[in-house]
Protein backbone atom coordinates (compact mmCIF):
# COMPACT_ATOMS: atom_id res chain seq x y z
CA MET A 1 9.59 22.89 51.52
CA ARG A 2 10.93 25.02 48.60
CA SER A 3 12.47 23.45 45.63
CA PHE A 4 14.78 24.67 42.78
CA PHE A 5 14.81 23.30 39.41
CA GLY A 6 17.62 23.22 36.80
CA GLU A 7 15.95 23.83 33.50
CA GLN A 8 17.79 21.81 30.79
CA ALA A 9 16.82 23.76 27.84
CA GLU A 10 17.80 27.26 28.82
CA ASN A 11 19.86 26.48 31.99
CA ASN A 12 17.69 28.52 34.17
CA ILE A 13 16.87 27.97 37.82
CA LEU A 14 13.05 27.97 38.72
CA LYS A 15 11.71 28.40 42.28
CA SER A 16 8.73 26.26 43.28
CA THR A 17 6.85 25.30 46.42
CA THR A 18 5.49 22.17 44.58
CA GLU A 19 7.02 18.70 44.99
CA ILE A 20 7.92 17.83 41.47
CA ASP A 21 9.78 14.73 40.30
CA PRO A 22 12.32 15.82 37.65
CA SER A 23 12.37 12.68 35.88
CA ARG A 24 8.72 13.45 34.76
CA SER A 25 9.93 16.53 32.86
CA PRO A 26 11.88 16.59 29.49
CA PHE A 27 13.08 20.01 30.48
CA ILE A 28 14.17 20.09 34.10
CA LYS A 29 17.67 18.87 34.50
CA GLU A 30 18.09 18.66 38.37
CA ARG A 31 16.03 19.70 41.54
CA ILE A 32 17.17 20.99 44.92
CA GLU A 33 15.00 20.35 47.75
CA VAL A 34 15.87 23.33 49.92
CA ILE A 35 16.90 22.50 53.64
CA TYR A 36 18.83 25.59 54.56
CA GLU A 37 19.00 29.16 53.02
CA GLY A 38 20.87 32.46 53.79
CA ASP A 39 22.28 35.78 52.80
CA SER A 40 25.72 34.56 52.74
CA LEU A 41 27.80 31.15 52.26
CA PRO A 42 28.96 31.25 55.90
CA GLU A 43 25.36 30.82 57.07
CA ILE A 44 25.03 27.87 54.81
CA VAL A 45 28.35 26.34 55.94
CA GLU A 46 27.29 26.83 59.73
CA GLN A 47 23.96 25.16 59.07
CA ALA A 48 25.46 22.19 57.17
CA GLY A 49 27.23 21.26 60.36
CA GLN A 50 23.95 20.06 61.84
CA ILE A 51 23.83 17.23 59.17
CA ASP A 52 24.82 13.72 60.31
CA MET A 53 25.12 11.26 57.49
CA GLU A 54 25.88 8.27 59.90
CA GLU A 55 26.69 5.38 57.78
CA SER A 56 25.84 7.04 54.26
CA THR A 57 28.36 8.63 52.10
CA PHE A 58 27.65 12.05 50.43
CA LYS A 59 28.83 14.58 47.76
CA VAL A 60 28.11 18.34 47.53
CA ILE A 61 27.50 19.71 44.08
CA PHE A 62 27.57 23.33 43.05
CA VAL A 63 24.73 23.84 40.68
CA LYS A 64 25.83 26.07 38.03
CA ILE A 65 23.55 28.72 36.32
CA ASN A 66 24.78 29.63 32.97
CA ASP A 67 22.62 32.84 32.27
CA LEU A 68 23.56 34.71 35.35
CA GLU A 69 25.26 38.26 35.03
CA ALA A 70 29.00 37.99 34.74
CA SER A 71 29.35 39.73 38.08
CA GLU A 72 27.32 36.94 39.87
CA LYS A 73 29.11 34.10 38.20
CA ILE A 74 31.57 31.89 40.33
CA GLU A 75 34.55 30.31 38.50
CA TYR A 76 35.16 26.67 38.46
CA ASP A 77 38.04 26.61 41.16
CA LYS A 78 35.80 28.75 43.52
CA ARG A 79 33.01 26.39 43.06
CA ARG A 80 34.93 23.27 44.02
CA LEU A 81 36.39 25.12 47.13
CA ILE A 82 32.64 25.92 48.22
CA GLU A 83 31.80 22.23 47.84
CA ARG A 84 34.60 21.20 50.05
CA GLU A 85 34.06 23.86 52.48
CA ILE A 86 30.51 22.56 53.05
CA GLY A 87 31.54 19.02 52.79
CA TRP A 88 34.01 19.46 55.76
CA GLU A 89 31.17 20.58 57.97
CA ILE A 90 28.80 17.63 57.23
CA LYS A 91 29.26 14.70 59.59
CA GLY A 92 29.94 11.58 57.53
CA GLU A 93 32.07 10.28 54.73
CA ALA A 94 32.47 12.21 51.50
CA ASP A 95 32.51 10.06 48.22
CA VAL A 96 32.85 12.11 44.96
CA ARG A 97 32.58 9.04 42.83
CA HIS A 98 29.68 6.88 44.08
CA PRO A 99 28.06 8.63 46.87
CA ASP A 100 24.90 7.44 48.54
CA HIS A 101 23.34 10.88 48.63
CA LEU A 102 23.76 14.14 46.74
CA PHE A 103 23.59 17.58 48.18
CA GLY A 104 23.22 20.76 46.00
CA ILE A 105 24.36 24.43 46.64
CA VAL A 106 23.31 27.45 44.53
CA THR A 107 23.28 31.16 44.81
CA LEU A 108 20.53 33.15 43.23
CA GLY A 109 19.43 36.63 43.55
CA GLY A 110 21.91 37.36 46.51
CA ARG A 111 21.03 34.54 48.39
CA TRP A 112 22.28 30.84 49.05
CA TYR A 113 20.33 27.71 48.88
CA PHE A 114 21.37 24.50 50.00
CA GLY A 115 19.45 20.91 50.16
CA ASN A 116 19.06 17.51 48.67
CA LEU A 117 19.94 17.28 45.00
CA GLN A 118 17.86 15.11 42.75
CA LYS A 119 19.12 14.65 39.19
CA ASN A 120 16.95 13.74 36.05
CA GLU A 121 17.95 10.46 34.70
CA ALA A 122 16.20 11.53 31.28
CA LEU A 123 14.37 8.23 30.95
CA TRP A 124 12.55 9.92 27.94
CA LEU A 125 15.72 10.01 25.85
CA HIS A 126 15.68 6.13 25.58
CA HIS A 127 12.12 6.32 24.20
CA MET A 128 13.44 8.26 21.20
CA LYS A 129 14.68 4.90 19.65
CA LYS A 130 11.23 3.28 19.01
CA PRO A 131 10.82 0.21 16.77
CA GLN A 132 7.78 1.98 15.07
CA THR A 133 7.95 5.72 14.06
CA PHE A 134 6.14 8.03 11.73
CA SER A 135 7.77 11.26 10.65
CA THR A 136 4.63 13.29 11.55
CA ALA A 137 4.31 11.94 15.23
CA LEU A 138 5.02 14.19 17.92
CA SER A 139 8.49 14.32 19.20
CA THR A 140 9.33 12.30 22.41
CA ARG A 141 10.09 15.43 24.32
CA VAL A 142 6.89 17.32 23.34
CA ALA A 143 4.84 14.21 23.96
CA ARG A 144 6.25 13.79 27.49
CA ALA A 145 5.63 17.47 28.15
CA VAL A 146 2.06 17.19 26.87
CA ALA A 147 1.50 14.19 29.24
CA ASN A 148 2.76 16.26 32.13
CA ILE A 149 0.61 19.19 31.20
CA ALA A 150 -2.59 16.83 30.91
CA VAL A 151 -1.93 14.81 34.08
CA PRO A 152 0.36 16.78 36.51
CA GLU A 153 -0.60 14.52 39.54
CA PRO A 154 -1.42 10.91 38.29
CA ASP A 155 -3.06 9.52 41.53
CA GLY A 156 -6.56 8.80 40.76
CA VAL A 157 -6.66 10.29 37.37
CA LYS A 158 -7.92 8.40 34.36
CA ALA A 159 -6.74 9.50 30.80
CA ILE A 160 -7.51 8.52 27.28
CA ASP A 161 -5.64 9.18 23.94
CA PRO A 162 -8.28 8.64 21.33
CA CYS A 163 -6.08 9.46 18.28
CA CYS A 164 -3.02 7.66 19.67
CA GLY A 165 -1.15 6.79 16.55
CA ILE A 166 2.10 4.87 17.18
CA GLY A 167 1.85 5.60 20.98
CA THR A 168 4.39 8.37 21.45
CA VAL A 169 2.08 10.02 24.18
CA LEU A 170 1.17 6.62 25.47
CA VAL A 171 4.63 5.54 26.09
CA GLU A 172 5.53 8.69 28.16
CA ALA A 173 2.50 8.74 30.04
CA LEU A 174 2.90 5.01 31.06
CA SER A 175 6.36 5.51 31.98
CA MET A 176 5.22 8.15 34.56
CA GLY A 177 2.67 6.04 36.06
CA ILE A 178 -0.32 7.65 34.28
CA ASP A 179 -3.42 5.49 33.98
CA ILE A 180 -4.01 5.97 30.31
CA VAL A 181 -5.66 4.08 27.43
CA GLY A 182 -5.39 4.46 23.64
CA ARG A 183 -7.49 4.21 20.55
CA ASP A 184 -7.16 4.89 16.97
CA ILE A 185 -9.16 4.05 13.74
CA ASN A 186 -6.19 2.73 11.95
CA PRO A 187 -5.25 -0.76 12.84
CA LEU A 188 -1.73 -0.51 11.49
CA VAL A 189 -0.84 2.31 13.88
CA THR A 190 -2.56 0.61 16.98
CA SER A 191 -0.43 -2.45 16.14
CA GLY A 192 2.69 -0.16 16.11
CA SER A 193 1.61 1.52 19.23
CA ARG A 194 1.27 -1.81 21.14
CA GLU A 195 4.79 -2.76 19.87
CA ASN A 196 6.33 0.38 21.12
CA ILE A 197 4.71 0.02 24.58
CA ALA A 198 5.77 -3.48 24.88
CA PHE A 199 9.22 -2.72 23.59
CA PHE A 200 9.99 -0.45 26.54
CA GLY A 201 8.36 -2.98 29.15
CA TYR A 202 5.14 -1.14 29.73
CA GLU A 203 1.66 -2.56 29.61
CA GLY A 204 -1.15 -0.60 28.03
CA ASP A 205 -4.70 -0.94 26.71
CA VAL A 206 -4.81 0.09 23.10
CA ARG A 207 -7.83 -0.72 20.92
CA VAL A 208 -9.03 -0.02 17.29
CA GLY A 209 -12.09 2.16 16.93
CA PRO A 210 -13.28 5.65 16.89
CA ILE A 211 -13.89 7.98 19.68
CA SER A 212 -17.57 7.90 18.98
CA ASP A 213 -17.47 4.31 20.29
CA VAL A 214 -16.14 5.29 23.86
CA THR A 215 -18.67 5.23 26.52
CA GLU A 216 -16.45 5.36 29.65
CA GLN A 217 -15.91 8.67 31.29
CA TYR A 218 -12.16 10.03 31.87
CA ASP A 219 -10.65 12.88 33.74
CA VAL A 220 -8.77 13.98 30.77
CA ALA A 221 -8.27 13.31 26.95
CA ILE A 222 -5.09 13.96 25.10
CA ILE A 223 -5.74 14.49 21.45
CA ASP A 224 -3.41 15.10 18.67
CA LEU A 225 -5.77 15.96 15.91
CA PRO A 226 -5.31 13.98 12.70
CA TYR A 227 -3.77 15.47 9.77
CA ASN A 228 -1.72 14.95 6.44
CA LEU A 229 -2.26 12.53 3.83
CA TYR A 230 -2.21 9.41 6.02
CA THR A 231 -4.39 10.45 8.77
CA HIS A 232 -6.46 13.23 7.21
CA ALA A 233 -9.61 14.51 8.91
CA THR A 234 -12.06 16.98 7.52
CA PRO A 235 -13.03 19.89 9.62
CA GLU A 236 -16.23 18.11 10.18
CA GLU A 237 -14.48 15.07 11.42
CA GLN A 238 -12.28 17.19 13.68
CA PHE A 239 -15.27 18.66 15.37
CA ALA A 240 -16.90 15.50 15.81
CA ILE A 241 -13.74 14.22 17.65
CA LEU A 242 -13.88 17.29 19.87
CA LYS A 243 -17.46 16.94 20.57
CA HIS A 244 -17.01 13.44 21.59
CA ALA A 245 -13.82 14.31 23.74
CA ARG A 246 -16.19 16.86 25.56
CA ARG A 247 -18.65 13.95 25.98
CA ILE A 248 -16.30 11.55 27.61
CA ALA A 249 -13.72 13.99 29.49
CA LYS A 250 -13.85 16.78 31.93
CA LYS A 251 -10.62 18.19 30.50
CA ALA A 252 -8.61 17.94 27.15
CA VAL A 253 -5.22 18.88 25.95
CA ILE A 254 -5.48 19.36 22.22
CA ILE A 255 -2.60 19.56 19.78
CA THR A 256 -3.17 20.97 16.38
CA ILE A 257 -1.36 22.56 13.34
CA GLU A 258 -4.26 25.02 12.72
CA THR A 259 -6.01 27.68 14.69
CA ILE A 260 -9.31 25.92 15.68
CA ASP A 261 -10.41 28.15 18.67
CA GLU A 262 -13.98 28.64 17.44
CA MET A 263 -14.35 24.88 16.76
CA ILE A 264 -13.11 23.91 20.12
CA MET A 265 -15.45 26.51 21.97
CA GLU A 266 -18.48 25.21 19.70
CA ALA A 267 -17.60 21.79 20.94
CA GLY A 268 -18.19 22.95 24.49
CA PHE A 269 -14.56 23.57 25.69
CA LYS A 270 -12.95 26.73 26.98
CA ILE A 271 -9.32 27.30 26.26
CA GLN A 272 -7.58 27.84 29.66
CA ASP A 273 -3.90 27.85 28.37
CA ARG A 274 -1.89 27.41 25.21
CA CYS A 275 1.61 27.38 23.93
CA ILE A 276 3.36 26.70 20.67
CA ALA A 277 5.84 23.86 19.96
CA SER A 278 8.11 24.60 17.01
CA LYS A 279 10.39 22.40 14.83
CA GLY A 280 12.02 24.33 12.10
CA VAL A 281 9.18 25.92 10.08
CA PHE A 282 6.65 23.36 11.28
CA SER A 283 4.71 24.20 14.52
CA ARG A 284 1.92 22.81 16.66
CA GLN A 285 -0.45 24.62 19.13
CA ILE A 286 -0.92 22.83 22.38
CA LEU A 287 -4.35 23.90 24.06
CA VAL A 288 -5.50 23.18 27.56
CA CYS A 289 -9.17 23.06 27.64
CA GLU A 290 -11.68 22.56 30.20
């Protein structure tokens, strides 16, 4: 089963053979689970005639791609006509306001794709209004992306955030059903973390203490390395955190404001992938390590 994903930030469409819930991502706007595809619209229209909705209502939505070449773009009136043309062939009752089911149609690279449309409800946007915040904390969007990178498939995976701060990553991970615990050496931020988690109706284990006290094993550790005047850590202390992360976890996603490749490798990790998350002149490196 192929899927298409509408990417919110750049309005792109991504093709994938992986089943991904768009609500997990802070970037994916919508997803089409492809049922039919063809070289022309009439092929799709003909195939849509096989669908019988029985008692359920439906709506067909043309998924717009903003960054197509001008010659490939389809104007608003034409898109509405295409939606109606496909809808007329589907057996069942159309409902444009409150349908039971959504179908999506999109054209890309000279081919047409039709299937079940799943929209992202953007739950993470609600998490931006936390009762406890710090200006230096990860943004909600980056925190959600980091949780996704660390735990793409939550079933059976145990995670830890040993420098959890006010729980930005914890809230996003818990909202996606990830089994994660939090720790921090600062009792003030762990208190704020618990408050934020409870505020959104989640339950999480957040304790005060250093990573050196952790004895349980985890599949992955998410570590936003401490920095700034309030949570300053010396290079020696950062290295100790990494060494203990290597001791308790098979994999780590490390967030740092400095290049620490040598430190990470000395701690026993190998960097598998990396990216930069920027906000104005401030940037963080996100490193996937195993």
